[in-house]
C-alpha cells in the first residue's frame, strides 16, 4: 500500500523546538511530529482574507436599550461587541471586512469608520428596508472577491480557532461550513442533526425533552462563492431559509468547537455575557 507520507529529518534550534512543544496537548496535537506537520499545514493552507459581518438587525428583544444603541455597540469587557469580532478576525489574518448595517447603522459606521484604527479595512452596505440576513449577504456580494469568505452574525461573542475552522472547511470541499456549539437546551435555538461532518437537517425549536442533539448553529460560517446560487435574486430571505436545501444537497458541513459562545439576543443573555466573557 502506497503511503502518503515521507520521513524527513530536520534540525531546529532549541528555542524553536521549545515553541513547537508548546503546541503539544496530548489530544489534538499528539507529539512533535504532529505539531510540526500541523504548523506547516496551517502556514501553507489557502488563506481567507474577507468576512461579512451581519450587523443590521433591529434588536427587538433588546428594547428599550436598542432604540438608541445598535446591539453591535453594546459594551462588553470595556469595548463594543463588534470590536471583539473584529479582533478575532484580524488576529487570524481576516482583515477585509464588509459590515451589513441597517438599524442605527450610521452609529456603527461613525464608531468604526474605515477600520484603520482597528487594524482592518471596513466597507459598508446598507438596506433601505429589511431584507433578512440572506438579503444582506446578497447585497454584500459586490464587495467580495470570487473566493472563500467568512460570515458572522454581529450579535455574538465566540471563542473559536478560526485557523482550524477554515482548514476543516477546505478539507470538506462543501459550499459551506457552519460552526456548531453545544447547549443544554437547544429548544431555545433550534437543533442541528449531524452525521460525521455532514449536517443532515435542522429542527426549529424542538419540543423540550425530546431533542436528539444538543448542537446548535452559532452564527459563524465559511462559504464558497457558490452560496449565492442558493439565494433568490430579490426579496426577503434569511440564511436559515437556505440551510435545509444546502443540507439536502450535502453541501453543508458542521464544525463543532468547545470554546465559549454567547448570543446577545436578550437582556438576560447580555447580562450573562458581561459576567462570563473573559477574553
C-alpha atoms as a PDB file:
ATOM      1  CA  UNK A   1       0.000   0.000   0.000  1.00  0.00           C
ATOM      2  CA  UNK A   2       1.415   3.364  -1.041  1.00  0.00           C
ATOM      3  CA  UNK A   3       1.939   5.743   1.898  1.00  0.00           C
ATOM      4  CA  UNK A   4       1.067   9.420   1.561  1.00  0.00           C
ATOM      5  CA  UNK A   5       3.815  10.449   3.958  1.00  0.00           C
ATOM      6  CA  UNK A   6       7.586  10.536   3.694  1.00  0.00           C
ATOM      7  CA  UNK A   7      10.090  10.530   6.531  1.00  0.00           C
ATOM      8  CA  UNK A   8      12.025  13.787   6.845  1.00  0.00           C
ATOM      9  CA  UNK A   9      14.911  14.661   9.146  1.00  0.00           C
ATOM     10  CA  UNK A  10      15.196  18.324  10.146  1.00  0.00           C
ATOM     11  CA  UNK A  11      17.380  20.294  12.526  1.00  0.00           C
ATOM     12  CA  UNK A  12      15.828  23.034  14.660  1.00  0.00           C
ATOM     13  CA  UNK A  13      17.167  25.489  17.209  1.00  0.00           C
ATOM     14  CA  UNK A  14      16.331  24.520  20.769  1.00  0.00           C
ATOM     15  CA  UNK A  15      14.351  27.750  21.184  1.00  0.00           C
ATOM     16  CA  UNK A  16      12.223  26.909  18.116  1.00  0.00           C
ATOM     17  CA  UNK A  17      11.726  23.359  19.319  1.00  0.00           C
ATOM     18  CA  UNK A  18      10.537  24.673  22.683  1.00  0.00           C
ATOM     19  CA  UNK A  19       7.876  26.730  20.864  1.00  0.00           C
ATOM     20  CA  UNK A  20       6.836  23.641  18.899  1.00  0.00           C
ATOM     21  CA  UNK A  21       6.481  21.701  22.162  1.00  0.00           C
ATOM     22  CA  UNK A  22       4.088  24.357  23.458  1.00  0.00           C
ATOM     23  CA  UNK A  23       1.553  23.213  20.844  1.00  0.00           C
ATOM     24  CA  UNK A  24       1.508  19.621  22.109  1.00  0.00           C
ATOM     25  CA  UNK A  25      -1.565  18.978  24.243  1.00  0.00           C
ATOM     26  CA  UNK A  26      -1.715  15.172  24.017  1.00  0.00           C
ATOM     27  CA  UNK A  27      -5.106  15.152  22.290  1.00  0.00           C
ATOM     28  CA  UNK A  28      -5.420  17.399  19.229  1.00  0.00           C
ATOM     29  CA  UNK A  29      -1.632  17.658  18.893  1.00  0.00           C
ATOM     30  CA  UNK A  30      -0.075  14.379  19.988  1.00  0.00           C
ATOM     31  CA  UNK A  31       3.688  14.808  19.580  1.00  0.00           C
ATOM     32  CA  UNK A  32       6.453  16.880  17.987  1.00  0.00           C
ATOM     33  CA  UNK A  33       5.987  15.366  14.551  1.00  0.00           C
ATOM     34  CA  UNK A  34       2.273  16.079  14.639  1.00  0.00           C
ATOM     35  CA  UNK A  35       2.878  19.633  15.903  1.00  0.00           C
ATOM     36  CA  UNK A  36       5.361  20.412  13.116  1.00  0.00           C
ATOM     37  CA  UNK A  37       3.052  18.944  10.461  1.00  0.00           C
ATOM     38  CA  UNK A  38       0.131  20.988  11.831  1.00  0.00           C
ATOM     39  CA  UNK A  39       2.132  24.229  11.827  1.00  0.00           C
ATOM     40  CA  UNK A  40       3.373  23.668   8.265  1.00  0.00           C
ATOM     41  CA  UNK A  41      -0.146  22.794   7.077  1.00  0.00           C
ATOM     42  CA  UNK A  42      -1.551  25.988   8.582  1.00  0.00           C
ATOM     43  CA  UNK A  43       1.169  28.125   7.009  1.00  0.00           C
ATOM     44  CA  UNK A  44       0.589  26.578   3.555  1.00  0.00           C
ATOM     45  CA  UNK A  45      -3.212  26.421   3.705  1.00  0.00           C
ATOM     46  CA  UNK A  46      -5.245  28.744   1.452  1.00  0.00           C
ATOM     47  CA  UNK A  47      -5.940  31.891   3.427  1.00  0.00           C
ATOM     48  CA  UNK A  48      -9.331  33.501   3.941  1.00  0.00           C
ATOM     49  CA  UNK A  49      -8.990  37.284   3.923  1.00  0.00           C
ATOM     50  CA  UNK A  50     -12.592  38.527   3.692  1.00  0.00           C
ATOM     51  CA  UNK A  51     -15.542  38.383   6.072  1.00  0.00           C
ATOM     52  CA  UNK A  52     -19.080  39.708   6.113  1.00  0.00           C
ATOM     53  CA  UNK A  53     -20.493  40.789   9.489  1.00  0.00           C
ATOM     54  CA  UNK A  54     -24.289  40.917   9.673  1.00  0.00           C
ATOM     55  CA  UNK A  55     -24.972  43.879  11.953  1.00  0.00           C
ATOM     56  CA  UNK A  56     -28.260  45.260  10.666  1.00  0.00           C
ATOM     57  CA  UNK A  57     -30.842  43.675  12.960  1.00  0.00           C
ATOM     58  CA  UNK A  58     -33.284  45.931  14.839  1.00  0.00           C
ATOM     59  CA  UNK A  59     -32.632  44.220  18.193  1.00  0.00           C
ATOM     60  CA  UNK A  60     -36.324  43.879  19.012  1.00  0.00           C
ATOM     61  CA  UNK A  61     -35.726  41.675  22.062  1.00  0.00           C
ATOM     62  CA  UNK A  62     -33.209  44.144  23.465  1.00  0.00           C
ATOM     63  CA  UNK A  63     -35.617  47.073  23.604  1.00  0.00           C
ATOM     64  CA  UNK A  64     -35.694  49.672  25.065  1.00  0.00           C
ATOM     65  CA  UNK A  65     -31.837  49.641  25.011  1.00  0.00           C
ATOM     66  CA  UNK A  66     -31.696  49.103  21.237  1.00  0.00           C
ATOM     67  CA  UNK A  67     -33.900  52.102  20.483  1.00  0.00           C
ATOM     68  CA  UNK A  68     -30.854  54.338  20.802  1.00  0.00           C
ATOM     69  CA  UNK A  69     -27.846  51.999  20.562  1.00  0.00           C
ATOM     70  CA  UNK A  70     -27.407  49.199  17.983  1.00  0.00           C
ATOM     71  CA  UNK A  71     -26.587  45.824  19.528  1.00  0.00           C
ATOM     72  CA  UNK A  72     -23.179  45.840  17.883  1.00  0.00           C
ATOM     73  CA  UNK A  73     -22.142  48.763  20.074  1.00  0.00           C
ATOM     74  CA  UNK A  74     -23.302  47.262  23.371  1.00  0.00           C
ATOM     75  CA  UNK A  75     -20.218  47.257  25.644  1.00  0.00           C
ATOM     76  CA  UNK A  76     -18.749  44.011  26.947  1.00  0.00           C
ATOM     77  CA  UNK A  77     -15.428  43.955  28.769  1.00  0.00           C
ATOM     78  CA  UNK A  78     -14.827  47.625  28.053  1.00  0.00           C
ATOM     79  CA  UNK A  79     -15.326  47.533  24.291  1.00  0.00           C
ATOM     80  CA  UNK A  80     -18.247  47.221  21.843  1.00  0.00           C
ATOM     81  CA  UNK A  81     -19.484  43.776  20.906  1.00  0.00           C
ATOM     82  CA  UNK A  82     -18.444  44.209  17.260  1.00  0.00           C
ATOM     83  CA  UNK A  83     -14.908  45.116  18.276  1.00  0.00           C
ATOM     84  CA  UNK A  84     -14.473  41.650  19.775  1.00  0.00           C
ATOM     85  CA  UNK A  85     -15.411  40.128  16.400  1.00  0.00           C
ATOM     86  CA  UNK A  86     -13.049  42.467  14.569  1.00  0.00           C
ATOM     87  CA  UNK A  87     -10.184  41.397  16.835  1.00  0.00           C
ATOM     88  CA  UNK A  88     -10.970  37.698  16.338  1.00  0.00           C
ATOM     89  CA  UNK A  89     -10.874  38.105  12.561  1.00  0.00           C
ATOM     90  CA  UNK A  90      -7.870  40.434  12.482  1.00  0.00           C
ATOM     91  CA  UNK A  91      -5.770  38.164  14.664  1.00  0.00           C
ATOM     92  CA  UNK A  92      -6.438  35.325  12.220  1.00  0.00           C
ATOM     93  CA  UNK A  93      -5.491  37.292   9.125  1.00  0.00           C
ATOM     94  CA  UNK A  94      -9.038  38.188   8.046  1.00  0.00           C
ATOM     95  CA  UNK A  95      -8.715  41.944   7.596  1.00  0.00           C
ATOM     96  CA  UNK A  96     -11.012  42.874   4.702  1.00  0.00           C
ATOM     97  CA  UNK A  97     -14.435  43.268   6.310  1.00  0.00           C
ATOM     98  CA  UNK A  98     -17.878  44.129   4.974  1.00  0.00           C
ATOM     99  CA  UNK A  99     -20.411  45.344   7.528  1.00  0.00           C
ATOM    100  CA  UNK A 100     -24.070  44.876   6.611  1.00  0.00           C
ATOM    101  CA  UNK A 101     -25.852  47.627   8.536  1.00  0.00           C
ATOM    102  CA  UNK A 102     -29.439  48.718   8.961  1.00  0.00           C
ATOM    103  CA  UNK A 103     -30.982  49.816  12.265  1.00  0.00           C
ATOM    104  CA  UNK A 104     -28.897  52.739  13.617  1.00  0.00           C
ATOM    105  CA  UNK A 105     -26.195  51.766  11.149  1.00  0.00           C
ATOM    106  CA  UNK A 106     -24.809  55.294  11.000  1.00  0.00           C
ATOM    107  CA  UNK A 107     -23.703  54.939  14.623  1.00  0.00           C
ATOM    108  CA  UNK A 108     -21.757  51.761  13.775  1.00  0.00           C
ATOM    109  CA  UNK A 109     -20.205  53.481  10.779  1.00  0.00           C
ATOM    110  CA  UNK A 110     -19.297  56.527  12.854  1.00  0.00           C
ATOM    111  CA  UNK A 111     -17.617  54.402  15.534  1.00  0.00           C
ATOM    112  CA  UNK A 112     -15.574  52.071  13.319  1.00  0.00           C
ATOM    113  CA  UNK A 113     -15.039  54.259  10.247  1.00  0.00           C
ATOM    114  CA  UNK A 114     -12.855  52.624   7.612  1.00  0.00           C
ATOM    115  CA  UNK A 115     -11.372  50.275  10.236  1.00  0.00           C
ATOM    116  CA  UNK A 116      -7.852  51.689  10.045  1.00  0.00           C
ATOM    117  CA  UNK A 117      -7.526  52.342  13.769  1.00  0.00           C
ATOM    118  CA  UNK A 118      -8.590  48.729  14.433  1.00  0.00           C
ATOM    119  CA  UNK A 119      -6.049  47.252  12.025  1.00  0.00           C
ATOM    120  CA  UNK A 120      -8.577  46.222   9.377  1.00  0.00           C
ATOM    121  CA  UNK A 121     -10.352  47.555   6.288  1.00  0.00           C
ATOM    122  CA  UNK A 122     -14.095  48.070   6.696  1.00  0.00           C
ATOM    123  CA  UNK A 123     -16.648  48.793   3.981  1.00  0.00           C
ATOM    124  CA  UNK A 124     -20.380  49.056   4.459  1.00  0.00           C
ATOM    125  CA  UNK A 125     -23.572  48.014   2.712  1.00  0.00           C
ATOM    126  CA  UNK A 126     -26.927  49.235   3.970  1.00  0.00           C
ATOM    127  CA  UNK A 127     -30.529  48.399   3.289  1.00  0.00           C
ATOM    128  CA  UNK A 128     -33.475  50.754   2.830  1.00  0.00           C
ATOM    129  CA  UNK A 129     -35.870  48.060   4.016  1.00  0.00           C
ATOM    130  CA  UNK A 130     -35.281  44.887   5.974  1.00  0.00           C
ATOM    131  CA  UNK A 131     -34.270  42.055   3.623  1.00  0.00           C
ATOM    132  CA  UNK A 132     -33.141  39.397   6.107  1.00  0.00           C
ATOM    133  CA  UNK A 133     -29.674  38.013   6.727  1.00  0.00           C
ATOM    134  CA  UNK A 134     -29.658  36.330   3.319  1.00  0.00           C
ATOM    135  CA  UNK A 135     -30.702  39.572   1.659  1.00  0.00           C
ATOM    136  CA  UNK A 136     -27.923  41.442   3.453  1.00  0.00           C
ATOM    137  CA  UNK A 137     -25.350  38.874   2.309  1.00  0.00           C
ATOM    138  CA  UNK A 138     -26.692  39.189  -1.244  1.00  0.00           C
ATOM    139  CA  UNK A 139     -26.051  42.961  -1.147  1.00  0.00           C
ATOM    140  CA  UNK A 140     -22.508  42.401   0.151  1.00  0.00           C
ATOM    141  CA  UNK A 141     -21.624  40.228  -2.847  1.00  0.00           C
ATOM    142  CA  UNK A 142     -20.487  43.205  -4.929  1.00  0.00           C
ATOM    143  CA  UNK A 143     -17.671  43.829  -2.432  1.00  0.00           C
ATOM    144  CA  UNK A 144     -16.482  40.219  -2.263  1.00  0.00           C
ATOM    145  CA  UNK A 145     -13.860  38.532  -4.369  1.00  0.00           C
ATOM    146  CA  UNK A 146     -14.733  35.232  -6.050  1.00  0.00           C
ATOM    147  CA  UNK A 147     -13.138  33.085  -3.379  1.00  0.00           C
ATOM    148  CA  UNK A 148     -13.745  31.609   0.069  1.00  0.00           C
ATOM    149  CA  UNK A 149     -15.060  34.063   2.681  1.00  0.00           C
ATOM    150  CA  UNK A 150     -16.475  34.097   6.200  1.00  0.00           C
ATOM    151  CA  UNK A 151     -19.817  35.303   7.539  1.00  0.00           C
ATOM    152  CA  UNK A 152     -20.528  36.149  11.183  1.00  0.00           C
ATOM    153  CA  UNK A 153     -23.650  37.358  12.926  1.00  0.00           C
ATOM    154  CA  UNK A 154     -22.897  40.675  14.587  1.00  0.00           C
ATOM    155  CA  UNK A 155     -24.644  39.917  17.876  1.00  0.00           C
ATOM    156  CA  UNK A 156     -22.483  37.054  19.141  1.00  0.00           C
ATOM    157  CA  UNK A 157     -19.343  36.568  21.191  1.00  0.00           C
ATOM    158  CA  UNK A 158     -17.341  33.496  20.247  1.00  0.00           C
ATOM    159  CA  UNK A 159     -14.047  31.890  21.233  1.00  0.00           C
ATOM    160  CA  UNK A 160     -13.178  29.716  18.236  1.00  0.00           C
ATOM    161  CA  UNK A 161      -9.943  28.715  16.497  1.00  0.00           C
ATOM    162  CA  UNK A 162     -10.563  30.193  13.051  1.00  0.00           C
ATOM    163  CA  UNK A 163      -7.490  28.542  11.507  1.00  0.00           C
ATOM    164  CA  UNK A 164      -8.823  25.101  12.475  1.00  0.00           C
ATOM    165  CA  UNK A 165     -12.290  26.082  11.284  1.00  0.00           C
ATOM    166  CA  UNK A 166     -11.084  27.252   7.862  1.00  0.00           C
ATOM    167  CA  UNK A 167      -8.821  24.222   7.369  1.00  0.00           C
ATOM    168  CA  UNK A 168     -11.727  21.942   8.287  1.00  0.00           C
ATOM    169  CA  UNK A 169     -13.906  23.678   5.690  1.00  0.00           C
ATOM    170  CA  UNK A 170     -11.278  23.237   2.982  1.00  0.00           C
ATOM    171  CA  UNK A 171     -10.957  19.544   3.804  1.00  0.00           C
ATOM    172  CA  UNK A 172     -14.723  19.003   3.463  1.00  0.00           C
ATOM    173  CA  UNK A 173     -14.995  20.530  -0.029  1.00  0.00           C
ATOM    174  CA  UNK A 174     -18.565  21.784   0.543  1.00  0.00           C
ATOM    175  CA  UNK A 175     -20.284  25.041  -0.341  1.00  0.00           C
ATOM    176  CA  UNK A 176     -20.492  25.961   3.329  1.00  0.00           C
ATOM    177  CA  UNK A 177     -19.382  25.017   6.823  1.00  0.00           C
ATOM    178  CA  UNK A 178     -21.287  26.043   9.926  1.00  0.00           C
ATOM    179  CA  UNK A 179     -19.700  26.358  13.361  1.00  0.00           C
ATOM    180  CA  UNK A 180     -21.678  24.360  15.938  1.00  0.00           C
ATOM    181  CA  UNK A 181     -21.727  24.610  19.695  1.00  0.00           C
ATOM    182  CA  UNK A 182     -23.433  22.500  22.374  1.00  0.00           C
ATOM    183  CA  UNK A 183     -26.088  23.812  24.726  1.00  0.00           C
ATOM    184  CA  UNK A 184     -28.105  22.138  27.447  1.00  0.00           C
ATOM    185  CA  UNK A 185     -31.438  23.198  25.941  1.00  0.00           C
ATOM    186  CA  UNK A 186     -31.443  23.501  22.120  1.00  0.00           C
ATOM    187  CA  UNK A 187     -35.213  24.096  22.125  1.00  0.00           C
ATOM    188  CA  UNK A 188     -34.460  27.800  22.558  1.00  0.00           C
ATOM    189  CA  UNK A 189     -32.408  27.977  19.363  1.00  0.00           C
ATOM    190  CA  UNK A 190     -33.114  25.048  17.036  1.00  0.00           C
ATOM    191  CA  UNK A 191     -31.411  21.693  16.820  1.00  0.00           C
ATOM    192  CA  UNK A 192     -28.807  20.626  14.248  1.00  0.00           C
ATOM    193  CA  UNK A 193     -28.586  16.966  13.220  1.00  0.00           C
ATOM    194  CA  UNK A 194     -25.047  15.920  12.331  1.00  0.00           C
ATOM    195  CA  UNK A 195     -23.575  12.687  10.960  1.00  0.00           C
ATOM    196  CA  UNK A 196     -19.801  12.743  10.834  1.00  0.00           C
ATOM    197  CA  UNK A 197     -19.004  16.132   9.339  1.00  0.00           C
ATOM    198  CA  UNK A 198     -22.251  16.354   7.367  1.00  0.00           C
ATOM    199  CA  UNK A 199     -25.236  18.388   8.544  1.00  0.00           C
ATOM    200  CA  UNK A 200     -28.355  16.338   7.799  1.00  0.00           C
ATOM    201  CA  UNK A 201     -31.184  18.655   8.810  1.00  0.00           C
ATOM    202  CA  UNK A 202     -32.478  21.304  11.192  1.00  0.00           C
ATOM    203  CA  UNK A 203     -35.273  21.103  13.733  1.00  0.00           C
ATOM    204  CA  UNK A 204     -36.610  24.558  14.567  1.00  0.00           C
ATOM    205  CA  UNK A 205     -37.245  24.874  18.319  1.00  0.00           C
ATOM    206  CA  UNK A 206     -37.678  21.149  19.123  1.00  0.00           C
ATOM    207  CA  UNK A 207     -40.007  20.224  21.965  1.00  0.00           C
ATOM    208  CA  UNK A 208     -38.140  20.387  25.256  1.00  0.00           C
ATOM    209  CA  UNK A 209     -37.127  16.933  26.472  1.00  0.00           C
ATOM    210  CA  UNK A 210     -37.450  15.339  23.023  1.00  0.00           C
ATOM    211  CA  UNK A 211     -34.251  16.629  21.466  1.00  0.00           C
ATOM    212  CA  UNK A 212     -31.955  14.168  19.719  1.00  0.00           C
ATOM    213  CA  UNK A 213     -28.976  16.546  19.583  1.00  0.00           C
ATOM    214  CA  UNK A 214     -27.588  19.367  21.690  1.00  0.00           C
ATOM    215  CA  UNK A 215     -25.830  21.000  18.746  1.00  0.00           C
ATOM    216  CA  UNK A 216     -26.919  24.411  17.510  1.00  0.00           C
ATOM    217  CA  UNK A 217     -25.842  26.890  14.857  1.00  0.00           C
ATOM    218  CA  UNK A 218     -23.643  29.544  16.486  1.00  0.00           C
ATOM    219  CA  UNK A 219     -23.723  32.098  13.649  1.00  0.00           C
ATOM    220  CA  UNK A 220     -20.210  31.685  12.216  1.00  0.00           C
ATOM    221  CA  UNK A 221     -19.717  30.288   8.700  1.00  0.00           C
ATOM    222  CA  UNK A 222     -17.197  29.725   5.921  1.00  0.00           C
ATOM    223  CA  UNK A 223     -18.709  29.885   2.433  1.00  0.00           C
ATOM    224  CA  UNK A 224     -17.639  29.374  -1.128  1.00  0.00           C
ATOM    225  CA  UNK A 225     -18.985  31.811  -3.767  1.00  0.00           C
ATOM    226  CA  UNK A 226     -21.493  29.117  -4.829  1.00  0.00           C
ATOM    227  CA  UNK A 227     -23.543  30.059  -1.756  1.00  0.00           C
ATOM    228  CA  UNK A 228     -25.088  32.824  -3.865  1.00  0.00           C
ATOM    229  CA  UNK A 229     -26.635  30.173  -6.144  1.00  0.00           C
ATOM    230  CA  UNK A 230     -28.861  29.274  -3.187  1.00  0.00           C
ATOM    231  CA  UNK A 231     -30.082  32.832  -2.592  1.00  0.00           C
ATOM    232  CA  UNK A 232     -33.036  34.233  -4.570  1.00  0.00           C
ATOM    233  CA  UNK A 233     -32.193  37.286  -6.674  1.00  0.00           C
ATOM    234  CA  UNK A 234     -34.567  39.551  -4.762  1.00  0.00           C
ATOM    235  CA  UNK A 235     -36.942  39.691  -1.816  1.00  0.00           C
ATOM    236  CA  UNK A 236     -36.652  38.946   1.887  1.00  0.00           C
ATOM    237  CA  UNK A 237     -34.646  35.824   2.747  1.00  0.00           C
ATOM    238  CA  UNK A 238     -32.913  34.622   5.905  1.00  0.00           C
ATOM    239  CA  UNK A 239     -29.825  32.458   5.767  1.00  0.00           C
ATOM    240  CA  UNK A 240     -31.805  29.934   7.819  1.00  0.00           C
ATOM    241  CA  UNK A 241     -34.179  29.619   4.842  1.00  0.00           C
ATOM    242  CA  UNK A 242     -31.473  28.170   2.575  1.00  0.00           C
ATOM    243  CA  UNK A 243     -29.731  25.817   5.009  1.00  0.00           C
ATOM    244  CA  UNK A 244     -32.223  22.933   4.561  1.00  0.00           C
ATOM    245  CA  UNK A 245     -31.561  22.987   0.802  1.00  0.00           C
ATOM    246  CA  UNK A 246     -27.798  23.025   1.371  1.00  0.00           C
ATOM    247  CA  UNK A 247     -28.162  20.108   3.790  1.00  0.00           C
ATOM    248  CA  UNK A 248     -30.335  18.172   1.329  1.00  0.00           C
ATOM    249  CA  UNK A 249     -27.645  18.630  -1.333  1.00  0.00           C
ATOM    250  CA  UNK A 250     -24.996  17.516   1.207  1.00  0.00           C
ATOM    251  CA  UNK A 251     -23.242  20.827   0.734  1.00  0.00           C
ATOM    252  CA  UNK A 252     -23.203  21.921   4.371  1.00  0.00           C
ATOM    253  CA  UNK A 253     -20.603  20.685   6.857  1.00  0.00           C
ATOM    254  CA  UNK A 254     -20.640  21.138  10.632  1.00  0.00           C
ATOM    255  CA  UNK A 255     -17.620  22.107  12.751  1.00  0.00           C
ATOM    256  CA  UNK A 256     -18.093  21.506  16.478  1.00  0.00           C
ATOM    257  CA  UNK A 257     -15.974  23.551  18.879  1.00  0.00           C
ATOM    258  CA  UNK A 258     -15.720  23.821  22.663  1.00  0.00           C
ATOM    259  CA  UNK A 259     -14.927  27.500  23.177  1.00  0.00           C
ATOM    260  CA  UNK A 260     -17.294  29.939  24.844  1.00  0.00           C
ATOM    261  CA  UNK A 261     -20.208  31.324  22.855  1.00  0.00           C
ATOM    262  CA  UNK A 262     -22.827  33.934  23.699  1.00  0.00           C
ATOM    263  CA  UNK A 263     -25.817  35.052  21.653  1.00  0.00           C
ATOM    264  CA  UNK A 264     -26.608  38.608  22.747  1.00  0.00           C
ATOM    265  CA  UNK A 265     -30.295  38.300  21.915  1.00  0.00           C
ATOM    266  CA  UNK A 266     -31.974  39.104  25.219  1.00  0.00           C
ATOM    267  CA  UNK A 267     -31.177  41.221  28.284  1.00  0.00           C
ATOM    268  CA  UNK A 268     -30.611  38.001  30.250  1.00  0.00           C
ATOM    269  CA  UNK A 269     -28.097  36.734  27.673  1.00  0.00           C
ATOM    270  CA  UNK A 270     -26.362  40.111  27.640  1.00  0.00           C
ATOM    271  CA  UNK A 271     -26.051  40.092  31.428  1.00  0.00           C
ATOM    272  CA  UNK A 272     -24.611  36.561  31.316  1.00  0.00           C
ATOM    273  CA  UNK A 273     -22.034  37.599  28.695  1.00  0.00           C
ATOM    274  CA  UNK A 274     -20.941  40.611  30.757  1.00  0.00           C
ATOM    275  CA  UNK A 275     -20.329  38.345  33.754  1.00  0.00           C
ATOM    276  CA  UNK A 276     -18.662  35.410  31.971  1.00  0.00           C
ATOM    277  CA  UNK A 277     -16.769  36.729  28.946  1.00  0.00           C
ATOM    278  CA  UNK A 278     -13.075  36.884  29.854  1.00  0.00           C
ATOM    279  CA  UNK A 279     -11.306  37.277  26.518  1.00  0.00           C
END
